């Protein structure tokens, strides 16, 4: 019986480790929605560590006075279904999921959001596009 329980615990720990492994390691930038002009659109990034920890951050430069605002947060271990991002600087919370090439804005359950604001300029005739972005190295 002890061997069965030990084997069960080993299987669960292997599965949890496999799920926390990000599809890449390193820093990637993204731009899901274009911002309005004025104080400057934040430049967002994510940084996937080899241990599965995911950090999200942004850098924003005020176009009027050149002041730089930045923040980086640890969003926890990689979750392929949905990750919550909360920046305290502007009390901004959003949910995302990402793979090796793209990141998507989602709801709390991981369903990809759709919006006219997410349609690329090259596809002006389209409406209600997936809110996503390429991940840039």
C-alpha atoms as a PDB file:
ATOM      1  CA  UNK A   1       0.000   0.000   0.000  1.00  0.00           C
ATOM      2  CA  UNK A   2       2.854   2.396   0.800  1.00  0.00           C
ATOM      3  CA  UNK A   3       4.365   1.727  -2.634  1.00  0.00           C
ATOM      4  CA  UNK A   4       1.057   2.559  -4.343  1.00  0.00           C
ATOM      5  CA  UNK A   5       0.725   5.828  -2.427  1.00  0.00           C
ATOM      6  CA  UNK A   6       4.363   6.727  -3.160  1.00  0.00           C
ATOM      7  CA  UNK A   7       3.872   5.976  -6.842  1.00  0.00           C
ATOM      8  CA  UNK A   8       0.682   8.074  -6.882  1.00  0.00           C
ATOM      9  CA  UNK A   9       2.477  11.043  -5.273  1.00  0.00           C
ATOM     10  CA  UNK A  10       5.354  10.694  -7.746  1.00  0.00           C
ATOM     11  CA  UNK A  11       2.934  10.735 -10.703  1.00  0.00           C
ATOM     12  CA  UNK A  12       1.160  13.844  -9.424  1.00  0.00           C
ATOM     13  CA  UNK A  13       4.438  15.705  -8.899  1.00  0.00           C
ATOM     14  CA  UNK A  14       5.620  14.791 -12.419  1.00  0.00           C
ATOM     15  CA  UNK A  15       2.340  16.029 -13.912  1.00  0.00           C
ATOM     16  CA  UNK A  16       2.445  19.288 -11.957  1.00  0.00           C
ATOM     17  CA  UNK A  17       6.043  19.907 -13.046  1.00  0.00           C
ATOM     18  CA  UNK A  18       5.182  19.216 -16.675  1.00  0.00           C
ATOM     19  CA  UNK A  19       2.314  21.693 -16.561  1.00  0.00           C
ATOM     20  CA  UNK A  20       4.469  24.440 -15.048  1.00  0.00           C
ATOM     21  CA  UNK A  21       7.090  24.216 -17.831  1.00  0.00           C
ATOM     22  CA  UNK A  22       6.738  27.258 -20.072  1.00  0.00           C
ATOM     23  CA  UNK A  23       6.914  26.767 -23.860  1.00  0.00           C
ATOM     24  CA  UNK A  24      10.139  28.845 -23.928  1.00  0.00           C
ATOM     25  CA  UNK A  25      12.540  30.603 -21.588  1.00  0.00           C
ATOM     26  CA  UNK A  26      13.576  34.210 -21.892  1.00  0.00           C
ATOM     27  CA  UNK A  27      12.054  37.607 -22.474  1.00  0.00           C
ATOM     28  CA  UNK A  28       9.418  38.345 -25.150  1.00  0.00           C
ATOM     29  CA  UNK A  29       7.580  41.609 -25.832  1.00  0.00           C
ATOM     30  CA  UNK A  30       4.000  41.938 -27.033  1.00  0.00           C
ATOM     31  CA  UNK A  31       1.352  44.514 -27.957  1.00  0.00           C
ATOM     32  CA  UNK A  32      -2.196  43.155 -27.807  1.00  0.00           C
ATOM     33  CA  UNK A  33      -4.104  46.430 -28.158  1.00  0.00           C
ATOM     34  CA  UNK A  34      -2.873  49.697 -29.618  1.00  0.00           C
ATOM     35  CA  UNK A  35      -3.114  52.547 -27.147  1.00  0.00           C
ATOM     36  CA  UNK A  36      -4.177  56.127 -27.660  1.00  0.00           C
ATOM     37  CA  UNK A  37      -1.599  58.850 -27.983  1.00  0.00           C
ATOM     38  CA  UNK A  38      -0.841  61.153 -25.091  1.00  0.00           C
ATOM     39  CA  UNK A  39       1.151  59.855 -22.157  1.00  0.00           C
ATOM     40  CA  UNK A  40       2.654  57.029 -24.227  1.00  0.00           C
ATOM     41  CA  UNK A  41       1.562  53.461 -24.814  1.00  0.00           C
ATOM     42  CA  UNK A  42       3.137  50.948 -22.424  1.00  0.00           C
ATOM     43  CA  UNK A  43       5.481  48.379 -23.918  1.00  0.00           C
ATOM     44  CA  UNK A  44       4.573  45.014 -22.342  1.00  0.00           C
ATOM     45  CA  UNK A  45       6.800  41.972 -21.964  1.00  0.00           C
ATOM     46  CA  UNK A  46       6.883  38.587 -20.319  1.00  0.00           C
ATOM     47  CA  UNK A  47       9.926  36.791 -19.000  1.00  0.00           C
ATOM     48  CA  UNK A  48       9.725  32.994 -18.655  1.00  0.00           C
ATOM     49  CA  UNK A  49      12.309  31.532 -16.283  1.00  0.00           C
ATOM     50  CA  UNK A  50      13.666  27.998 -16.559  1.00  0.00           C
ATOM     51  CA  UNK A  51      11.996  27.046 -13.245  1.00  0.00           C
ATOM     52  CA  UNK A  52       8.528  27.857 -14.690  1.00  0.00           C
ATOM     53  CA  UNK A  53       8.132  31.264 -13.012  1.00  0.00           C
ATOM     54  CA  UNK A  54       6.540  33.845 -15.300  1.00  0.00           C
ATOM     55  CA  UNK A  55       7.157  37.566 -14.889  1.00  0.00           C
ATOM     56  CA  UNK A  56       5.146  40.249 -16.661  1.00  0.00           C
ATOM     57  CA  UNK A  57       6.255  43.828 -16.969  1.00  0.00           C
ATOM     58  CA  UNK A  58       5.826  47.080 -18.799  1.00  0.00           C
ATOM     59  CA  UNK A  59       7.804  50.201 -19.602  1.00  0.00           C
ATOM     60  CA  UNK A  60       6.012  53.440 -20.436  1.00  0.00           C
ATOM     61  CA  UNK A  61       7.684  56.680 -21.439  1.00  0.00           C
ATOM     62  CA  UNK A  62       5.639  59.850 -21.143  1.00  0.00           C
ATOM     63  CA  UNK A  63       5.905  61.625 -24.478  1.00  0.00           C
ATOM     64  CA  UNK A  64       5.487  65.069 -22.908  1.00  0.00           C
ATOM     65  CA  UNK A  65       8.200  65.001 -20.235  1.00  0.00           C
ATOM     66  CA  UNK A  66      10.189  61.814 -20.971  1.00  0.00           C
ATOM     67  CA  UNK A  67       9.412  60.338 -17.539  1.00  0.00           C
ATOM     68  CA  UNK A  68       9.732  56.548 -17.496  1.00  0.00           C
ATOM     69  CA  UNK A  69       7.271  54.371 -15.550  1.00  0.00           C
ATOM     70  CA  UNK A  70       7.898  50.655 -15.237  1.00  0.00           C
ATOM     71  CA  UNK A  71       6.783  47.681 -13.215  1.00  0.00           C
ATOM     72  CA  UNK A  72       7.492  43.950 -13.182  1.00  0.00           C
ATOM     73  CA  UNK A  73       5.440  41.335 -11.321  1.00  0.00           C
ATOM     74  CA  UNK A  74       5.745  37.613 -10.705  1.00  0.00           C
ATOM     75  CA  UNK A  75       2.539  36.013 -12.012  1.00  0.00           C
ATOM     76  CA  UNK A  76       3.483  32.590 -10.611  1.00  0.00           C
ATOM     77  CA  UNK A  77       4.223  29.313 -12.348  1.00  0.00           C
ATOM     78  CA  UNK A  78       3.320  28.882 -16.002  1.00  0.00           C
ATOM     79  CA  UNK A  79      -0.285  27.839 -16.551  1.00  0.00           C
ATOM     80  CA  UNK A  80      -1.245  26.954 -20.131  1.00  0.00           C
ATOM     81  CA  UNK A  81      -4.949  27.670 -19.455  1.00  0.00           C
ATOM     82  CA  UNK A  82      -4.912  31.207 -18.031  1.00  0.00           C
ATOM     83  CA  UNK A  83      -2.626  33.526 -16.061  1.00  0.00           C
ATOM     84  CA  UNK A  84      -3.683  36.575 -14.061  1.00  0.00           C
ATOM     85  CA  UNK A  85      -1.596  39.727 -14.445  1.00  0.00           C
ATOM     86  CA  UNK A  86      -2.072  42.576 -11.973  1.00  0.00           C
ATOM     87  CA  UNK A  87       0.000  45.742 -12.180  1.00  0.00           C
ATOM     88  CA  UNK A  88      -0.272  47.897  -9.069  1.00  0.00           C
ATOM     89  CA  UNK A  89       1.013  51.084 -10.734  1.00  0.00           C
ATOM     90  CA  UNK A  90      -2.241  51.669 -12.624  1.00  0.00           C
ATOM     91  CA  UNK A  91      -4.357  49.061 -10.786  1.00  0.00           C
ATOM     92  CA  UNK A  92      -4.578  47.148 -14.061  1.00  0.00           C
ATOM     93  CA  UNK A  93      -5.659  43.500 -14.102  1.00  0.00           C
ATOM     94  CA  UNK A  94      -5.956  41.271 -17.142  1.00  0.00           C
ATOM     95  CA  UNK A  95      -5.844  37.582 -17.993  1.00  0.00           C
ATOM     96  CA  UNK A  96      -3.704  35.962 -20.675  1.00  0.00           C
ATOM     97  CA  UNK A  97      -2.577  32.668 -22.057  1.00  0.00           C
ATOM     98  CA  UNK A  98       0.380  32.127 -24.327  1.00  0.00           C
ATOM     99  CA  UNK A  99       2.272  29.557 -26.325  1.00  0.00           C
ATOM    100  CA  UNK A 100       5.655  29.623 -28.017  1.00  0.00           C
ATOM    101  CA  UNK A 101       4.646  32.195 -30.633  1.00  0.00           C
ATOM    102  CA  UNK A 102       1.546  34.147 -29.484  1.00  0.00           C
ATOM    103  CA  UNK A 103      -0.130  35.611 -26.415  1.00  0.00           C
ATOM    104  CA  UNK A 104      -3.888  36.099 -26.066  1.00  0.00           C
ATOM    105  CA  UNK A 105      -6.034  38.323 -23.859  1.00  0.00           C
ATOM    106  CA  UNK A 106      -8.623  36.089 -22.151  1.00  0.00           C
ATOM    107  CA  UNK A 107     -11.368  36.116 -19.571  1.00  0.00           C
ATOM    108  CA  UNK A 108     -10.857  34.575 -16.111  1.00  0.00           C
ATOM    109  CA  UNK A 109     -11.596  31.101 -17.480  1.00  0.00           C
ATOM    110  CA  UNK A 110      -9.140  31.312 -20.378  1.00  0.00           C
ATOM    111  CA  UNK A 111     -11.581  32.023 -23.207  1.00  0.00           C
ATOM    112  CA  UNK A 112      -9.900  34.298 -25.776  1.00  0.00           C
ATOM    113  CA  UNK A 113     -11.476  37.751 -25.895  1.00  0.00           C
ATOM    114  CA  UNK A 114     -12.685  39.222 -29.171  1.00  0.00           C
ATOM    115  CA  UNK A 115     -12.964  42.919 -29.949  1.00  0.00           C
ATOM    116  CA  UNK A 116     -12.989  45.343 -32.859  1.00  0.00           C
ATOM    117  CA  UNK A 117     -10.061  47.102 -31.120  1.00  0.00           C
ATOM    118  CA  UNK A 118      -7.970  43.952 -31.603  1.00  0.00           C
ATOM    119  CA  UNK A 119      -8.308  43.876 -35.390  1.00  0.00           C
ATOM    120  CA  UNK A 120      -5.076  44.788 -37.196  1.00  0.00           C
ATOM    121  CA  UNK A 121      -5.083  47.936 -39.306  1.00  0.00           C
ATOM    122  CA  UNK A 122      -4.477  45.769 -42.393  1.00  0.00           C
ATOM    123  CA  UNK A 123      -7.822  44.064 -41.768  1.00  0.00           C
ATOM    124  CA  UNK A 124     -10.077  47.088 -41.231  1.00  0.00           C
ATOM    125  CA  UNK A 125     -13.015  45.331 -42.873  1.00  0.00           C
ATOM    126  CA  UNK A 126     -12.960  42.629 -40.180  1.00  0.00           C
ATOM    127  CA  UNK A 127     -14.777  42.948 -36.889  1.00  0.00           C
ATOM    128  CA  UNK A 128     -14.571  41.151 -33.580  1.00  0.00           C
ATOM    129  CA  UNK A 129     -11.014  39.785 -33.976  1.00  0.00           C
ATOM    130  CA  UNK A 130      -9.152  37.618 -31.450  1.00  0.00           C
ATOM    131  CA  UNK A 131      -7.208  39.766 -28.987  1.00  0.00           C
ATOM    132  CA  UNK A 132      -3.727  38.419 -29.467  1.00  0.00           C
ATOM    133  CA  UNK A 133      -0.208  39.367 -30.370  1.00  0.00           C
ATOM    134  CA  UNK A 134       2.966  37.778 -31.623  1.00  0.00           C
ATOM    135  CA  UNK A 135       5.648  37.351 -29.002  1.00  0.00           C
ATOM    136  CA  UNK A 136       8.727  39.262 -30.169  1.00  0.00           C
ATOM    137  CA  UNK A 137      12.283  38.395 -29.124  1.00  0.00           C
END
